[in-house]
C-alpha atoms as a PDB file:
ATOM      1  CA  MET A   1       2.770   8.540  80.404  1.00  0.00           C
ATOM      2  CA  ALA A   2       5.137   8.372  77.459  1.00  0.00           C
ATOM      3  CA  ARG A   3       6.693   5.212  78.842  1.00  0.00           C
ATOM      4  CA  ARG A   4       3.360   3.385  78.752  1.00  0.00           C
ATOM      5  CA  ARG A   5       2.923   4.180  75.074  1.00  0.00           C
ATOM      6  CA  ILE A   6       6.335   2.763  74.231  1.00  0.00           C
ATOM      7  CA  VAL A   7       5.673  -0.388  76.250  1.00  0.00           C
ATOM      8  CA  GLY A   8       2.262  -0.746  74.598  1.00  0.00           C
ATOM      9  CA  ARG A   9       3.771  -0.452  71.155  1.00  0.00           C
ATOM     10  CA  GLY A  10       6.329  -3.064  72.091  1.00  0.00           C
ATOM     11  CA  ARG A  11       3.622  -5.509  73.065  1.00  0.00           C
ATOM     12  CA  VAL A  12       1.693  -4.858  69.885  1.00  0.00           C
ATOM     13  CA  ALA A  13       4.856  -5.295  67.827  1.00  0.00           C
ATOM     14  CA  ASP A  14       5.608  -8.554  69.638  1.00  0.00           C
ATOM     15  CA  MET A  15       2.079  -9.815  69.015  1.00  0.00           C
ATOM     16  CA  LEU A  16       2.354  -8.912  65.336  1.00  0.00           C
ATOM     17  CA  GLN A  17       5.728 -10.679  65.140  1.00  0.00           C
ATOM     18  CA  THR A  18       4.217 -13.798  66.680  1.00  0.00           C
ATOM     19  CA  ALA A  19       1.220 -13.709  64.331  1.00  0.00           C
ATOM     20  CA  ILE A  20       3.468 -13.253  61.305  1.00  0.00           C
ATOM     21  CA  ARG A  21       5.675 -16.186  62.259  1.00  0.00           C
ATOM     22  CA  ARG A  22       2.634 -18.401  62.918  1.00  0.00           C
ATOM     23  CA  GLU A  23       1.057 -17.494  59.598  1.00  0.00           C
ATOM     24  CA  ALA A  24       4.385 -17.938  57.795  1.00  0.00           C
ATOM     25  CA  GLY A  25       4.461 -21.556  58.889  1.00  0.00           C
ATOM     26  CA  ARG A  26       1.040 -22.030  57.359  1.00  0.00           C
ATOM     27  CA  ALA A  27       1.908 -20.100  54.183  1.00  0.00           C
ATOM     28  CA  ALA A  28       4.799 -22.431  53.402  1.00  0.00           C
ATOM     29  CA  SER A  29       2.309 -25.167  52.548  1.00  0.00           C
ATOM     30  CA  LEU A  30       0.910 -22.901  49.822  1.00  0.00           C
ATOM     31  CA  LEU A  31       4.125 -23.035  47.805  1.00  0.00           C
ATOM     32  CA  GLU A  32       2.725 -26.016  45.934  1.00  0.00           C
ATOM     33  CA  ARG A  33       0.111 -23.731  44.378  1.00  0.00           C
ATOM     34  CA  ASP A  34       0.796 -21.464  41.440  1.00  0.00           C
ATOM     35  CA  VAL A  35       1.403 -17.722  41.713  1.00  0.00           C
ATOM     36  CA  GLU A  36      -2.116 -16.805  40.579  1.00  0.00           C
ATOM     37  CA  ASP A  37      -3.596 -18.765  43.486  1.00  0.00           C
ATOM     38  CA  LEU A  38      -1.353 -16.863  45.914  1.00  0.00           C
ATOM     39  CA  TYR A  39      -2.624 -13.569  44.491  1.00  0.00           C
ATOM     40  CA  ALA A  40      -6.208 -14.786  44.945  1.00  0.00           C
ATOM     41  CA  ILE A  41      -5.534 -15.760  48.563  1.00  0.00           C
ATOM     42  CA  ILE A  42      -3.928 -12.366  49.253  1.00  0.00           C
ATOM     43  CA  GLY A  43      -6.969 -10.674  47.699  1.00  0.00           C
ATOM     44  CA  SER A  44      -9.372 -12.680  49.846  1.00  0.00           C
ATOM     45  CA  GLN A  45      -7.371 -11.842  52.982  1.00  0.00           C
ATOM     46  CA  LEU A  46      -7.513  -8.138  52.066  1.00  0.00           C
ATOM     47  CA  ALA A  47     -11.285  -8.393  51.602  1.00  0.00           C
ATOM     48  CA  ALA A  48     -11.628 -10.059  55.005  1.00  0.00           C
ATOM     49  CA  ILE A  49      -9.577  -7.304  56.669  1.00  0.00           C
ATOM     50  CA  GLN A  50     -11.677  -4.604  55.021  1.00  0.00           C
ATOM     51  CA  VAL A  51     -14.946  -6.262  56.079  1.00  0.00           C
ATOM     52  CA  ALA A  52     -13.692  -6.653  59.647  1.00  0.00           C
ATOM     53  CA  THR A  53     -12.683  -2.986  59.721  1.00  0.00           C
ATOM     54  CA  LYS A  54     -16.145  -1.922  58.545  1.00  0.00           C
ATOM     55  CA  LEU A  55     -17.846  -4.130  61.115  1.00  0.00           C
ATOM     56  CA  VAL A  56     -15.735  -2.757  63.941  1.00  0.00           C
ATOM     57  CA  ARG A  57     -16.791   0.759  63.004  1.00  0.00           C
ATOM     58  CA  ALA A  58     -20.449  -0.155  62.485  1.00  0.00           C
ATOM     59  CA  ARG A  59     -22.920   0.914  65.096  1.00  0.00           C
ATOM     60  CA  ILE A  60     -25.221  -1.934  65.953  1.00  0.00           C
ATOM     61  CA  PRO A  61     -28.608  -0.618  67.026  1.00  0.00           C
ATOM     62  CA  PRO A  62     -29.970  -1.865  70.330  1.00  0.00           C
ATOM     63  CA  ARG A  63     -32.444  -4.743  70.234  1.00  0.00           C
ATOM     64  CA  VAL A  64     -31.054  -6.020  66.957  1.00  0.00           C
ATOM     65  CA  ASN A  65     -29.842  -9.554  66.502  1.00  0.00           C
ATOM     66  CA  LYS A  66     -26.092  -8.991  66.204  1.00  0.00           C
ATOM     67  CA  ARG A  67     -25.508 -12.124  64.195  1.00  0.00           C
ATOM     68  CA  GLU A  68     -28.075 -11.170  61.558  1.00  0.00           C
ATOM     69  CA  PHE A  69     -26.769  -7.591  61.483  1.00  0.00           C
ATOM     70  CA  ILE A  70     -23.237  -8.799  60.758  1.00  0.00           C
ATOM     71  CA  LEU A  71     -24.297 -11.424  58.219  1.00  0.00           C
ATOM     72  CA  GLN A  72     -26.348  -8.871  56.281  1.00  0.00           C
ATOM     73  CA  ARG A  73     -23.325  -6.600  55.922  1.00  0.00           C
ATOM     74  CA  MET A  74     -20.857  -9.262  54.845  1.00  0.00           C
ATOM     75  CA  PRO A  75     -20.349  -9.296  51.090  1.00  0.00           C
ATOM     76  CA  VAL A  76     -20.816 -12.483  49.139  1.00  0.00           C
ATOM     77  CA  ILE A  77     -17.697 -13.233  47.140  1.00  0.00           C
ATOM     78  CA  THR A  78     -18.671 -14.854  43.865  1.00  0.00           C
ATOM     79  CA  GLU A  79     -15.250 -15.021  42.250  1.00  0.00           C
ATOM     80  CA  LEU A  80     -11.720 -15.036  43.544  1.00  0.00           C
ATOM     81  CA  PRO A  81     -10.311 -11.554  44.158  1.00  0.00           C
ATOM     82  CA  ARG A  82      -7.154 -12.309  42.163  1.00  0.00           C
ATOM     83  CA  ASP A  83      -6.976  -8.815  40.656  1.00  0.00           C
ATOM     84  CA  GLU A  84      -7.234  -7.098  44.045  1.00  0.00           C
ATOM     85  CA  GLY A  85      -4.386  -9.224  45.373  1.00  0.00           C
ATOM     86  CA  ARG A  86      -2.256  -8.440  42.334  1.00  0.00           C
ATOM     87  CA  LYS A  87      -2.980  -4.684  42.584  1.00  0.00           C
ATOM     88  CA  PHE A  88      -2.110  -4.655  46.262  1.00  0.00           C
ATOM     89  CA  VAL A  89       1.174  -6.490  45.777  1.00  0.00           C
ATOM     90  CA  GLU A  90       2.107  -4.273  42.823  1.00  0.00           C
ATOM     91  CA  SER A  91       1.403  -1.124  44.845  1.00  0.00           C
ATOM     92  CA  CYS A  92       3.855  -2.199  47.554  1.00  0.00           C
ATOM     93  CA  TRP A  93       6.212  -4.221  45.358  1.00  0.00           C
ATOM     94  CA  SER A  94       9.184  -1.837  45.214  1.00  0.00           C
ATOM     95  CA  LYS A  95       9.302  -1.412  49.002  1.00  0.00           C
ATOM     96  CA  ILE A  96       8.790  -5.139  49.579  1.00  0.00           C
ATOM     97  CA  VAL A  97      11.521  -6.125  47.118  1.00  0.00           C
ATOM     98  CA  ASP A  98      13.895  -3.524  48.550  1.00  0.00           C
ATOM     99  CA  ARG A  99      13.518  -4.872  52.088  1.00  0.00           C
ATOM    100  CA  ALA A 100      13.523  -8.516  50.979  1.00  0.00           C
ATOM    101  CA  CYS A 101      16.664  -8.141  48.865  1.00  0.00           C
ATOM    102  CA  ARG A 102      18.490  -6.284  51.615  1.00  0.00           C
ATOM    103  CA  TRP A 103      17.570  -9.083  54.035  1.00  0.00           C
ATOM    104  CA  TRP A 104      18.480 -11.783  51.500  1.00  0.00           C
ATOM    105  CA  ASP A 105      21.920 -10.253  50.832  1.00  0.00           C
ATOM    106  CA  GLU A 106      22.672 -10.289  54.565  1.00  0.00           C
ATOM    107  CA  ASN A 107      21.301 -13.799  55.211  1.00  0.00           C
ATOM    108  CA  ARG A 108      21.898 -15.748  51.994  1.00  0.00           C
ATOM    109  CA  GLU A 109      24.649 -17.954  53.434  1.00  0.00           C
ATOM    110  CA  LYS A 110      22.756 -18.500  56.671  1.00  0.00           C
ATOM    111  CA  PHE A 111      19.691 -19.833  54.855  1.00  0.00           C
ATOM    112  CA  SER A 112      21.356 -21.750  52.037  1.00  0.00           C
ATOM    113  CA  GLY A 113      20.119 -25.307  52.153  1.00  0.00           C
ATOM    114  CA  LYS A 114      17.217 -24.446  54.479  1.00  0.00           C
ATOM    115  CA  ASP A 115      13.648 -25.316  53.590  1.00  0.00           C
ATOM    116  CA  ALA A 116      11.185 -22.723  52.288  1.00  0.00           C
ATOM    117  CA  LYS A 117       9.216 -22.672  55.552  1.00  0.00           C
ATOM    118  CA  THR A 118      12.256 -21.441  57.485  1.00  0.00           C
ATOM    119  CA  ILE A 119      13.000 -18.766  54.898  1.00  0.00           C
ATOM    120  CA  ILE A 120       9.399 -17.549  54.838  1.00  0.00           C
ATOM    121  CA  ARG A 121       9.233 -17.499  58.633  1.00  0.00           C
ATOM    122  CA  SER A 122      12.328 -15.285  58.812  1.00  0.00           C
ATOM    123  CA  LEU A 123      11.541 -13.103  55.787  1.00  0.00           C
ATOM    124  CA  ALA A 124       7.922 -12.264  56.622  1.00  0.00           C
ATOM    125  CA  PRO A 125       8.634 -10.000  59.639  1.00  0.00           C
ATOM    126  CA  GLU A 126      11.223  -8.125  57.584  1.00  0.00           C
ATOM    127  CA  ILE A 127       8.842  -7.257  54.764  1.00  0.00           C
ATOM    128  CA  ALA A 128       5.892  -6.537  57.077  1.00  0.00           C
ATOM    129  CA  LEU A 129       7.038  -2.939  57.474  1.00  0.00           C
ATOM    130  CA  ALA A 130       6.743  -2.419  53.705  1.00  0.00           C
ATOM    131  CA  ILE A 131       3.008  -3.189  53.904  1.00  0.00           C
ATOM    132  CA  PRO A 132       0.627  -0.343  54.831  1.00  0.00           C
ATOM    133  CA  ALA A 133      -0.120  -0.368  58.555  1.00  0.00           C
ATOM    134  CA  LYS A 134      -3.890  -0.808  58.249  1.00  0.00           C
ATOM    135  CA  LEU A 135      -3.355  -3.970  56.175  1.00  0.00           C
ATOM    136  CA  ARG A 136      -0.362  -5.306  58.069  1.00  0.00           C
ATOM    137  CA  ALA A 137      -1.822  -8.616  59.173  1.00  0.00           C
ATOM    138  CA  GLY A 138       0.275 -11.691  59.754  1.00  0.00           C
ATOM    139  CA  SER A 139      -1.312 -13.514  56.865  1.00  0.00           C
ATOM    140  CA  ILE A 140      -0.640 -10.750  54.314  1.00  0.00           C
ATOM    141  CA  ALA A 141       3.050 -10.513  55.217  1.00  0.00           C
ATOM    142  CA  ALA A 142       3.429 -14.293  55.245  1.00  0.00           C
ATOM    143  CA  LEU A 143       1.670 -14.731  51.907  1.00  0.00           C
ATOM    144  CA  THR A 144       3.791 -11.997  50.344  1.00  0.00           C
ATOM    145  CA  ALA A 145       6.922 -13.702  51.655  1.00  0.00           C
ATOM    146  CA  ALA A 146       5.679 -16.994  50.210  1.00  0.00           C
ATOM    147  CA  LEU A 147       5.139 -15.238  46.884  1.00  0.00           C
ATOM    148  CA  LEU A 148       8.727 -13.966  46.934  1.00  0.00           C
ATOM    149  CA  VAL A 149      10.106 -17.408  47.769  1.00  0.00           C
ATOM    150  CA  LYS A 150       7.906 -18.999  45.104  1.00  0.00           C
ATOM    151  CA  GLU A 151       9.259 -16.619  42.463  1.00  0.00           C
ATOM    152  CA  GLY A 152      12.803 -17.143  43.743  1.00  0.00           C
ATOM    153  CA  LEU A 153      14.561 -14.573  45.901  1.00  0.00           C
ATOM    154  CA  ASP A 154      17.730 -14.727  43.812  1.00  0.00           C
ATOM    155  CA  LYS A 155      15.799 -14.081  40.607  1.00  0.00           C
ATOM    156  CA  VAL A 156      13.672 -11.278  42.109  1.00  0.00           C
ATOM    157  CA  CYS A 157      16.690  -9.525  43.617  1.00  0.00           C
ATOM    158  CA  GLU A 158      18.690  -9.882  40.414  1.00  0.00           C
ATOM    159  CA  LYS A 159      15.827  -8.390  38.409  1.00  0.00           C
ATOM    160  CA  ALA A 160      15.482  -5.516  40.902  1.00  0.00           C
ATOM    161  CA  THR A 161      19.208  -4.823  40.719  1.00  0.00           C
ATOM    162  CA  THR A 162      19.217  -4.729  36.911  1.00  0.00           C
ATOM    163  CA  GLN A 163      16.181  -2.422  36.844  1.00  0.00           C
ATOM    164  CA  GLU A 164      17.838  -0.133  39.385  1.00  0.00           C
ATOM    165  CA  SER A 165      21.096  -0.001  37.405  1.00  0.00           C
ATOM    166  CA  THR A 166      19.135   0.681  34.208  1.00  0.00           C
ATOM    167  CA  LYS A 167      17.318   3.587  35.891  1.00  0.00           C
ATOM    168  CA  GLY A 168      20.632   4.933  37.224  1.00  0.00           C
ATOM    169  CA  ALA A 169      22.207   4.818  33.774  1.00  0.00           C
ATOM    170  CA  SER A 170      19.248   6.578  32.136  1.00  0.00           C
ATOM    171  CA  THR A 171      19.233   9.453  34.653  1.00  0.00           C
ATOM    172  CA  SER A 172      22.986  10.024  34.397  1.00  0.00           C
END
């Protein structure tokens, strides 16, 4: 019995890895946009995940048109959820930066001179574990990796290192 659970988790992890890499290839094209647009896209993806979760849990009464039932429960988004995307990224930021900087320190030479798509495709699975499990979709991890690459991994890691050394000096 226990063996089946481990194998099942392996398949799920492999499927998530594949989805993250696929979405990372798509997210690389978003690097032409500004950071605020990336936050808005992350927010809209979060909203879509939350709606899908609610619909999965919803009990559809018999003899009801399923399409109408679903459409009635889908929220109408009137403005871009930029703030929700920003709040989400800020809530996970320290864990994401920690994992991304550790990965970047190990792989900096390997990826020097590579295009952003390759970096995002390799970085996204690494930072996926820093995202809460219920929101760990391929698109969220890929968009967060694109956000890190857009802001510059060297700059983000340098800033994280200086903040960490400042905290260490103040507690000593």
